[in-house]
Amino acid sequence: MPVAPNLYVTQKEVEDSYEFKLIKKILKREYPWIVDLLVPDDEEINKYGLIFVPIVIDPFLLQQMTGWPFNHYMKVYLDGYLKAEGPYSYRTSYLTTIYDVSRDETNPIQNDIEKTMRAISMSPAIPQDLKLNKDRTFVVGEYVLQDMKVPDDVVYSKRP
C-alpha cells in the first residue's frame, strides 16, 4: 500500500538523516560483513510504510564467520558474473538463497539486524530533530553482493 503523502520521504532525506547514518555506522560495526546500506530511489522508498534497506554484504567474510557453505549453484554465478571490475550484482531477500543452510539458521541474523535498526530509531538518546520524523520503520530489504573477487578458499555444498 502506498504511503500517505504526509509520510513521503526522498532518497536524499533518508541518506542525510542522522538516524540513517547512525544505523549504517552501528550495523557496519556490529556486523563486519555488512559493507554498505543503500537507500532506494524516491519512488521505491514510498511504495510501502516500511523503508526496505538493501544491505551490501561480503558473503565470503560471512562464510568465514559462520562456516556456512555456499549453495552449489552459486559457484556458477560467482565465477561467471560477480567480478571486481564489473557492475554486476546479485540481490536476494534471503541468505538461504546464497548459503546452503536453513532459514532457522539465517533468520536470527536478519531479526537481530532489524531489532538493532528499531532500537536506534526508537532511542530517546537521539533528539527528535535529528530523526527522520515520519513514523517510518527501517527493515532489511534485500542482501546485495557486488564488486568482489572470489577467494580461493570458498566452500560450496555438494550438488544433490
N, C-alpha and C. Protein backbone atom coordinates (compact mmCIF):
# COMPACT_ATOMS: atom_id res chain seq x y z
N MET A 1 0.84 -1.17 0.00
CA MET A 1 0.00 0.00 0.00
C MET A 1 0.89 1.24 0.00
N PRO A 2 0.64 2.17 -0.92
CA PRO A 2 1.46 3.38 -0.97
C PRO A 2 1.37 4.18 0.33
N VAL A 3 2.39 4.94 0.56
CA VAL A 3 2.49 5.75 1.77
C VAL A 3 1.64 7.02 1.60
N ALA A 4 1.02 7.45 2.67
CA ALA A 4 0.26 8.70 2.65
C ALA A 4 1.21 9.85 2.32
N PRO A 5 0.74 10.84 1.55
CA PRO A 5 1.62 11.94 1.13
C PRO A 5 2.35 12.65 2.27
N ASN A 6 1.73 12.73 3.44
CA ASN A 6 2.40 13.40 4.56
C ASN A 6 3.56 12.59 5.14
N LEU A 7 3.70 11.33 4.71
CA LEU A 7 4.79 10.48 5.19
C LEU A 7 5.87 10.26 4.13
N TYR A 8 5.71 10.88 2.97
CA TYR A 8 6.70 10.74 1.90
C TYR A 8 8.07 11.20 2.38
N VAL A 9 9.07 10.47 1.94
CA VAL A 9 10.46 10.89 2.16
C VAL A 9 11.19 10.74 0.83
N THR A 10 12.25 11.48 0.68
CA THR A 10 13.07 11.33 -0.51
C THR A 10 14.32 10.53 -0.17
N GLN A 11 14.94 10.02 -1.20
CA GLN A 11 16.19 9.29 -1.02
C GLN A 11 17.21 10.18 -0.30
N LYS A 12 17.29 11.43 -0.72
CA LYS A 12 18.24 12.37 -0.12
C LYS A 12 17.93 12.63 1.35
N GLU A 13 16.64 12.77 1.69
CA GLU A 13 16.27 12.99 3.09
C GLU A 13 16.74 11.83 3.97
N VAL A 14 16.55 10.60 3.48
CA VAL A 14 16.97 9.43 4.25
C VAL A 14 18.49 9.39 4.36
N GLU A 15 19.17 9.54 3.21
CA GLU A 15 20.64 9.50 3.22
C GLU A 15 21.24 10.56 4.13
N ASP A 16 20.62 11.72 4.20
CA ASP A 16 21.14 12.82 5.01
C ASP A 16 20.71 12.77 6.47
N SER A 17 19.77 11.88 6.80
CA SER A 17 19.27 11.84 8.17
C SER A 17 20.30 11.24 9.12
N TYR A 18 20.40 11.85 10.28
CA TYR A 18 21.32 11.36 11.31
C TYR A 18 20.95 9.94 11.72
N GLU A 19 19.64 9.67 11.78
CA GLU A 19 19.14 8.35 12.16
C GLU A 19 19.68 7.27 11.22
N PHE A 20 19.58 7.49 9.90
CA PHE A 20 20.08 6.51 8.94
C PHE A 20 21.59 6.38 9.03
N LYS A 21 22.29 7.50 9.14
CA LYS A 21 23.75 7.46 9.24
C LYS A 21 24.19 6.66 10.47
N LEU A 22 23.46 6.83 11.58
CA LEU A 22 23.79 6.10 12.80
C LEU A 22 23.50 4.61 12.64
N ILE A 23 22.37 4.27 12.03
CA ILE A 23 22.04 2.87 11.76
C ILE A 23 23.14 2.23 10.92
N LYS A 24 23.54 2.92 9.88
CA LYS A 24 24.58 2.42 8.98
C LYS A 24 25.89 2.19 9.73
N LYS A 25 26.29 3.14 10.52
CA LYS A 25 27.56 3.04 11.25
C LYS A 25 27.53 1.88 12.25
N ILE A 26 26.44 1.76 12.99
CA ILE A 26 26.35 0.72 14.02
C ILE A 26 26.26 -0.67 13.39
N LEU A 27 25.47 -0.81 12.33
CA LEU A 27 25.37 -2.13 11.69
C LEU A 27 26.72 -2.56 11.11
N LYS A 28 27.45 -1.64 10.50
CA LYS A 28 28.76 -1.99 9.93
C LYS A 28 29.74 -2.36 11.04
N ARG A 29 29.60 -1.76 12.21
CA ARG A 29 30.47 -2.09 13.33
C ARG A 29 30.09 -3.45 13.95
N GLU A 30 28.80 -3.68 14.13
CA GLU A 30 28.32 -4.91 14.76
C GLU A 30 28.44 -6.12 13.86
N TYR A 31 28.32 -5.91 12.57
CA TYR A 31 28.35 -6.99 11.58
C TYR A 31 29.42 -6.64 10.54
N PRO A 32 30.66 -7.04 10.75
CA PRO A 32 31.75 -6.65 9.86
C PRO A 32 31.54 -7.07 8.41
N TRP A 33 30.68 -8.03 8.17
CA TRP A 33 30.40 -8.49 6.81
C TRP A 33 29.41 -7.59 6.08
N ILE A 34 28.83 -6.62 6.80
CA ILE A 34 27.99 -5.62 6.14
C ILE A 34 28.92 -4.54 5.60
N VAL A 35 28.88 -4.37 4.29
CA VAL A 35 29.78 -3.43 3.61
C VAL A 35 29.14 -2.04 3.49
N ASP A 36 27.83 -2.01 3.22
CA ASP A 36 27.15 -0.74 3.00
C ASP A 36 25.64 -0.93 3.13
N LEU A 37 24.95 0.15 3.37
CA LEU A 37 23.49 0.19 3.34
C LEU A 37 23.11 1.17 2.24
N LEU A 38 22.18 0.76 1.41
CA LEU A 38 21.75 1.59 0.30
C LEU A 38 20.37 2.16 0.60
N VAL A 39 20.03 3.23 -0.08
CA VAL A 39 18.70 3.83 0.07
C VAL A 39 18.01 3.74 -1.28
N PRO A 40 16.81 3.16 -1.30
CA PRO A 40 16.07 3.07 -2.57
C PRO A 40 15.74 4.45 -3.14
N ASP A 41 15.41 4.48 -4.43
CA ASP A 41 15.05 5.76 -5.05
C ASP A 41 13.71 6.25 -4.49
N ASP A 42 13.37 7.50 -4.82
CA ASP A 42 12.18 8.14 -4.25
C ASP A 42 10.90 7.35 -4.47
N GLU A 43 10.74 6.78 -5.66
CA GLU A 43 9.52 6.03 -5.96
C GLU A 43 9.45 4.75 -5.12
N GLU A 44 10.54 4.01 -5.09
CA GLU A 44 10.58 2.74 -4.37
C GLU A 44 10.43 2.92 -2.86
N ILE A 45 11.02 3.97 -2.34
CA ILE A 45 11.02 4.19 -0.89
C ILE A 45 9.62 4.54 -0.36
N ASN A 46 8.75 5.02 -1.25
CA ASN A 46 7.41 5.43 -0.82
C ASN A 46 6.31 4.47 -1.25
N LYS A 47 6.69 3.26 -1.68
CA LYS A 47 5.69 2.26 -2.04
C LYS A 47 5.01 1.65 -0.82
N TYR A 48 5.74 1.56 0.28
CA TYR A 48 5.25 0.90 1.48
C TYR A 48 5.55 1.75 2.71
N GLY A 49 4.87 1.47 3.79
CA GLY A 49 5.12 2.20 5.03
C GLY A 49 6.49 1.90 5.62
N LEU A 50 6.98 0.69 5.39
CA LEU A 50 8.32 0.32 5.84
C LEU A 50 9.34 0.85 4.85
N ILE A 51 10.53 1.14 5.32
CA ILE A 51 11.63 1.54 4.43
C ILE A 51 12.54 0.33 4.28
N PHE A 52 12.45 -0.32 3.11
CA PHE A 52 13.24 -1.52 2.85
C PHE A 52 14.64 -1.12 2.41
N VAL A 53 15.62 -1.43 3.24
CA VAL A 53 17.01 -1.02 3.00
C VAL A 53 17.81 -2.18 2.41
N PRO A 54 18.31 -2.01 1.20
CA PRO A 54 19.22 -3.02 0.65
C PRO A 54 20.55 -2.99 1.41
N ILE A 55 21.03 -4.17 1.79
CA ILE A 55 22.28 -4.26 2.55
C ILE A 55 23.32 -4.97 1.70
N VAL A 56 24.41 -4.26 1.42
CA VAL A 56 25.51 -4.83 0.65
C VAL A 56 26.38 -5.62 1.63
N ILE A 57 26.61 -6.90 1.28
CA ILE A 57 27.37 -7.76 2.19
C ILE A 57 28.61 -8.32 1.52
N ASP A 58 29.56 -8.73 2.35
CA ASP A 58 30.71 -9.50 1.89
C ASP A 58 30.38 -10.95 2.23
N PRO A 59 29.87 -11.72 1.27
CA PRO A 59 29.42 -13.08 1.57
C PRO A 59 30.56 -14.01 1.98
N PHE A 60 31.78 -13.68 1.56
CA PHE A 60 32.92 -14.53 1.88
C PHE A 60 33.33 -14.35 3.34
N LEU A 61 33.28 -13.12 3.84
CA LEU A 61 33.56 -12.88 5.25
C LEU A 61 32.48 -13.51 6.12
N LEU A 62 31.21 -13.40 5.69
CA LEU A 62 30.13 -14.04 6.45
C LEU A 62 30.34 -15.56 6.49
N GLN A 63 30.80 -16.14 5.38
CA GLN A 63 31.06 -17.58 5.37
C GLN A 63 32.18 -17.93 6.36
N GLN A 64 33.24 -17.12 6.37
CA GLN A 64 34.34 -17.37 7.31
C GLN A 64 33.85 -17.31 8.76
N MET A 65 32.94 -16.38 9.04
CA MET A 65 32.47 -16.18 10.41
C MET A 65 31.46 -17.25 10.84
N THR A 66 30.68 -17.78 9.91
CA THR A 66 29.61 -18.73 10.26
C THR A 66 29.92 -20.17 9.88
N GLY A 67 30.77 -20.36 8.87
CA GLY A 67 31.05 -21.70 8.37
C GLY A 67 29.99 -22.21 7.40
N TRP A 68 29.05 -21.37 7.00
CA TRP A 68 28.00 -21.79 6.09
C TRP A 68 28.56 -22.00 4.68
N PRO A 69 28.30 -23.15 4.08
CA PRO A 69 28.75 -23.36 2.69
C PRO A 69 27.81 -22.63 1.72
N PHE A 70 28.38 -22.16 0.63
CA PHE A 70 27.56 -21.57 -0.42
C PHE A 70 26.75 -22.69 -1.08
N ASN A 71 25.54 -22.35 -1.54
CA ASN A 71 24.78 -23.30 -2.35
C ASN A 71 25.60 -23.63 -3.59
N HIS A 72 25.55 -24.89 -4.03
CA HIS A 72 26.38 -25.34 -5.15
C HIS A 72 26.17 -24.50 -6.41
N TYR A 73 24.95 -24.02 -6.66
CA TYR A 73 24.69 -23.24 -7.87
C TYR A 73 25.30 -21.85 -7.82
N MET A 74 25.69 -21.38 -6.65
CA MET A 74 26.31 -20.06 -6.54
C MET A 74 27.69 -20.04 -7.19
N LYS A 75 28.34 -21.20 -7.31
CA LYS A 75 29.67 -21.25 -7.92
C LYS A 75 29.62 -20.72 -9.35
N VAL A 76 28.62 -21.16 -10.11
CA VAL A 76 28.49 -20.70 -11.49
C VAL A 76 28.26 -19.20 -11.52
N TYR A 77 27.42 -18.72 -10.64
CA TYR A 77 27.13 -17.29 -10.61
C TYR A 77 28.36 -16.49 -10.18
N LEU A 78 28.99 -16.90 -9.08
CA LEU A 78 30.12 -16.14 -8.56
C LEU A 78 31.29 -16.14 -9.54
N ASP A 79 31.54 -17.30 -10.16
CA ASP A 79 32.66 -17.38 -11.12
C ASP A 79 32.37 -16.65 -12.42
N GLY A 80 31.10 -16.58 -12.80
CA GLY A 80 30.77 -16.02 -14.10
C GLY A 80 30.33 -14.57 -14.11
N TYR A 81 29.72 -14.10 -13.05
CA TYR A 81 29.12 -12.77 -13.11
C TYR A 81 29.60 -11.79 -12.06
N LEU A 82 30.00 -12.27 -10.91
CA LEU A 82 30.39 -11.37 -9.83
C LEU A 82 31.87 -11.06 -9.94
N LYS A 83 32.19 -10.01 -10.65
CA LYS A 83 33.58 -9.65 -10.90
C LYS A 83 33.90 -8.31 -10.24
N ALA A 84 35.11 -8.22 -9.70
CA ALA A 84 35.53 -6.99 -9.04
C ALA A 84 35.49 -5.80 -9.99
N GLU A 85 35.75 -6.03 -11.27
CA GLU A 85 35.79 -4.92 -12.22
C GLU A 85 34.45 -4.69 -12.91
N GLY A 86 33.44 -5.48 -12.59
CA GLY A 86 32.16 -5.38 -13.29
C GLY A 86 31.07 -4.72 -12.46
N PRO A 87 30.03 -4.26 -13.13
CA PRO A 87 28.93 -3.61 -12.42
C PRO A 87 27.86 -4.59 -11.96
N TYR A 88 28.08 -5.87 -12.14
CA TYR A 88 27.05 -6.86 -11.85
C TYR A 88 26.85 -7.02 -10.35
N SER A 89 25.63 -7.31 -9.99
CA SER A 89 25.35 -7.59 -8.58
C SER A 89 24.33 -8.71 -8.50
N TYR A 90 24.26 -9.30 -7.34
CA TYR A 90 23.31 -10.38 -7.06
C TYR A 90 22.47 -9.90 -5.89
N ARG A 91 21.17 -9.96 -6.02
CA ARG A 91 20.26 -9.48 -4.97
C ARG A 91 19.32 -10.60 -4.56
N THR A 92 19.11 -10.72 -3.26
CA THR A 92 18.19 -11.73 -2.74
C THR A 92 17.61 -11.27 -1.41
N SER A 93 16.40 -11.68 -1.16
CA SER A 93 15.75 -11.35 0.12
C SER A 93 16.17 -12.29 1.24
N TYR A 94 16.74 -13.43 0.86
CA TYR A 94 17.05 -14.45 1.87
C TYR A 94 18.50 -14.92 1.76
N LEU A 95 19.16 -15.02 2.89
CA LEU A 95 20.53 -15.53 2.91
C LEU A 95 20.57 -17.00 2.49
N THR A 96 19.45 -17.70 2.65
CA THR A 96 19.40 -19.12 2.27
C THR A 96 19.48 -19.31 0.76
N THR A 97 19.29 -18.26 0.00
CA THR A 97 19.49 -18.34 -1.45
C THR A 97 20.98 -18.42 -1.76
N ILE A 98 21.79 -17.84 -0.91
CA ILE A 98 23.24 -17.81 -1.09
C ILE A 98 23.89 -19.02 -0.42
N TYR A 99 23.46 -19.31 0.79
CA TYR A 99 24.09 -20.35 1.61
C TYR A 99 23.21 -21.58 1.72
N ASP A 100 23.84 -22.72 1.83
CA ASP A 100 23.13 -23.99 1.96
C ASP A 100 22.86 -24.28 3.43
N VAL A 101 21.99 -23.47 4.02
CA VAL A 101 21.56 -23.64 5.41
C VAL A 101 20.07 -23.33 5.48
N SER A 102 19.46 -23.72 6.57
CA SER A 102 18.02 -23.49 6.71
C SER A 102 17.75 -22.05 7.16
N ARG A 103 16.52 -21.62 6.96
CA ARG A 103 16.13 -20.29 7.41
C ARG A 103 16.19 -20.20 8.93
N ASP A 104 16.10 -21.34 9.61
CA ASP A 104 16.23 -21.33 11.08
C ASP A 104 17.60 -20.83 11.50
N GLU A 105 18.60 -21.04 10.65
CA GLU A 105 19.95 -20.57 10.95
C GLU A 105 20.17 -19.12 10.55
N THR A 106 19.52 -18.68 9.48
CA THR A 106 19.76 -17.32 8.98
C THR A 106 18.80 -16.29 9.56
N ASN A 107 17.59 -16.70 9.92
CA ASN A 107 16.60 -15.74 10.43
C ASN A 107 17.07 -14.96 11.66
N PRO A 108 17.79 -15.58 12.61
CA PRO A 108 18.24 -14.80 13.76
C PRO A 108 19.11 -13.60 13.37
N ILE A 109 19.90 -13.74 12.31
CA ILE A 109 20.73 -12.62 11.87
C ILE A 109 19.85 -11.48 11.38
N GLN A 110 18.91 -11.80 10.49
CA GLN A 110 18.03 -10.75 9.98
C GLN A 110 17.20 -10.13 11.11
N ASN A 111 16.71 -10.95 12.01
CA ASN A 111 15.94 -10.43 13.14
C ASN A 111 16.77 -9.51 14.01
N ASP A 112 18.03 -9.87 14.26
CA ASP A 112 18.92 -9.03 15.06
C ASP A 112 19.22 -7.71 14.37
N ILE A 113 19.42 -7.74 13.06
CA ILE A 113 19.67 -6.51 12.31
C ILE A 113 18.46 -5.58 12.42
N GLU A 114 17.28 -6.13 12.21
CA GLU A 114 16.07 -5.30 12.28
C GLU A 114 15.80 -4.81 13.70
N LYS A 115 16.12 -5.63 14.69
CA LYS A 115 15.98 -5.22 16.09
C LYS A 115 16.92 -4.05 16.39
N THR A 116 18.13 -4.12 15.87
CA THR A 116 19.09 -3.03 16.05
C THR A 116 18.59 -1.75 15.39
N MET A 117 18.05 -1.87 14.17
CA MET A 117 17.51 -0.70 13.47
C MET A 117 16.38 -0.05 14.28
N ARG A 118 15.47 -0.88 14.79
CA ARG A 118 14.34 -0.36 15.58
C ARG A 118 14.83 0.31 16.86
N ALA A 119 15.79 -0.33 17.52
CA ALA A 119 16.30 0.23 18.78
C ALA A 119 16.93 1.60 18.56
N ILE A 120 17.65 1.75 17.47
CA ILE A 120 18.27 3.04 17.16
C ILE A 120 17.18 4.07 16.87
N SER A 121 16.23 3.69 16.02
CA SER A 121 15.16 4.62 15.64
C SER A 121 14.33 5.07 16.84
N MET A 122 14.14 4.17 17.80
CA MET A 122 13.29 4.49 18.96
C MET A 122 14.08 5.04 20.15
N SER A 123 15.38 5.13 20.01
CA SER A 123 16.22 5.55 21.13
C SER A 123 15.92 7.00 21.56
N PRO A 124 15.66 7.18 22.84
CA PRO A 124 15.45 8.54 23.33
C PRO A 124 16.75 9.36 23.36
N ALA A 125 17.87 8.70 23.16
CA ALA A 125 19.16 9.40 23.15
C ALA A 125 19.33 10.24 21.88
N ILE A 126 18.56 9.93 20.84
CA ILE A 126 18.63 10.71 19.61
C ILE A 126 17.55 11.78 19.67
N PRO A 127 17.94 13.04 19.64
CA PRO A 127 16.94 14.11 19.68
C PRO A 127 15.96 14.01 18.49
N GLN A 128 14.71 14.34 18.74
CA GLN A 128 13.67 14.25 17.71
C GLN A 128 14.04 15.00 16.44
N ASP A 129 14.70 16.14 16.57
CA ASP A 129 15.02 16.94 15.38
C ASP A 129 16.11 16.29 14.52
N LEU A 130 16.75 15.24 15.01
CA LEU A 130 17.75 14.52 14.23
C LEU A 130 17.19 13.22 13.64
N LYS A 131 15.94 12.92 13.93
CA LYS A 131 15.31 11.71 13.39
C LYS A 131 14.58 12.05 12.10
N LEU A 132 14.27 11.03 11.34
CA LEU A 132 13.55 11.20 10.09
C LEU A 132 12.15 11.78 10.33
N ASN A 133 11.59 11.48 11.50
CA ASN A 133 10.30 12.03 11.92
C ASN A 133 9.15 11.77 10.96
N LYS A 134 9.08 10.60 10.42
CA LYS A 134 7.99 10.27 9.50
C LYS A 134 7.26 9.01 9.94
N ASP A 135 7.49 8.54 11.15
CA ASP A 135 6.86 7.31 11.62
C ASP A 135 7.06 6.16 10.65
N ARG A 136 8.23 6.10 10.06
CA ARG A 136 8.56 5.04 9.12
C ARG A 136 9.62 4.16 9.78
N THR A 137 9.57 2.87 9.54
CA THR A 137 10.48 1.91 10.14
C THR A 137 11.43 1.34 9.10
N PHE A 138 12.71 1.28 9.45
CA PHE A 138 13.72 0.68 8.58
C PHE A 138 13.72 -0.84 8.78
N VAL A 139 13.74 -1.59 7.68
CA VAL A 139 13.84 -3.06 7.73
C VAL A 139 14.78 -3.52 6.61
N VAL A 140 15.24 -4.77 6.73
CA VAL A 140 16.10 -5.34 5.69
C VAL A 140 15.27 -5.53 4.42
N GLY A 141 15.72 -4.94 3.32
CA GLY A 141 15.02 -5.09 2.06
C GLY A 141 15.53 -6.29 1.29
N GLU A 142 16.83 -6.33 1.12
CA GLU A 142 17.47 -7.43 0.41
C GLU A 142 18.95 -7.40 0.72
N TYR A 143 19.60 -8.51 0.39
CA TYR A 143 21.05 -8.59 0.53
C TYR A 143 21.64 -8.47 -0.86
N VAL A 144 22.69 -7.67 -0.98
CA VAL A 144 23.30 -7.39 -2.27
C VAL A 144 24.75 -7.83 -2.25
N LEU A 145 25.14 -8.60 -3.27
CA LEU A 145 26.54 -8.97 -3.46
C LEU A 145 27.01 -8.22 -4.69
N GLN A 146 28.13 -7.54 -4.57
CA GLN A 146 28.63 -6.82 -5.73
C GLN A 146 30.13 -6.58 -5.65
N ASP A 147 30.70 -6.37 -6.79
CA ASP A 147 32.09 -5.91 -6.92
C ASP A 147 33.09 -6.57 -5.98
N MET A 148 33.26 -7.88 -6.07
CA MET A 148 34.27 -8.51 -5.23
C MET A 148 34.90 -9.71 -5.93
N LYS A 149 36.15 -9.97 -5.56
CA LYS A 149 36.89 -11.10 -6.10
C LYS A 149 36.55 -12.34 -5.28
N VAL A 150 36.36 -13.46 -5.96
CA VAL A 150 36.04 -14.71 -5.28
C VAL A 150 37.34 -15.32 -4.74
N PRO A 151 37.44 -15.49 -3.41
CA PRO A 151 38.66 -16.09 -2.84
C PRO A 151 38.79 -17.56 -3.22
N ASP A 152 40.01 -18.08 -3.14
CA ASP A 152 40.28 -19.48 -3.48
C ASP A 152 39.72 -20.47 -2.46
N ASP A 153 39.52 -20.02 -1.22
CA ASP A 153 39.10 -20.95 -0.17
C ASP A 153 37.59 -21.01 0.07
N VAL A 154 36.79 -20.57 -0.90
CA VAL A 154 35.34 -20.61 -0.77
C VAL A 154 34.86 -22.06 -0.71
N VAL A 155 33.90 -22.35 0.17
CA VAL A 155 33.34 -23.69 0.33
C VAL A 155 31.93 -23.72 -0.23
N TYR A 156 31.67 -24.70 -1.09
CA TYR A 156 30.34 -24.89 -1.67
C TYR A 156 29.77 -26.21 -1.17
N SER A 157 28.44 -26.29 -1.15
CA SER A 157 27.79 -27.54 -0.79
C SER A 157 27.91 -28.51 -1.97
N LYS A 158 27.75 -29.78 -1.67
CA LYS A 158 27.75 -30.79 -2.74
C LYS A 158 26.47 -30.68 -3.52
N ARG A 159 26.55 -30.95 -4.79
CA ARG A 159 25.36 -30.95 -5.64
C ARG A 159 24.47 -32.12 -5.24
N PRO A 160 23.15 -31.88 -5.08
CA PRO A 160 22.28 -33.00 -4.65
C PRO A 160 22.17 -34.10 -5.67
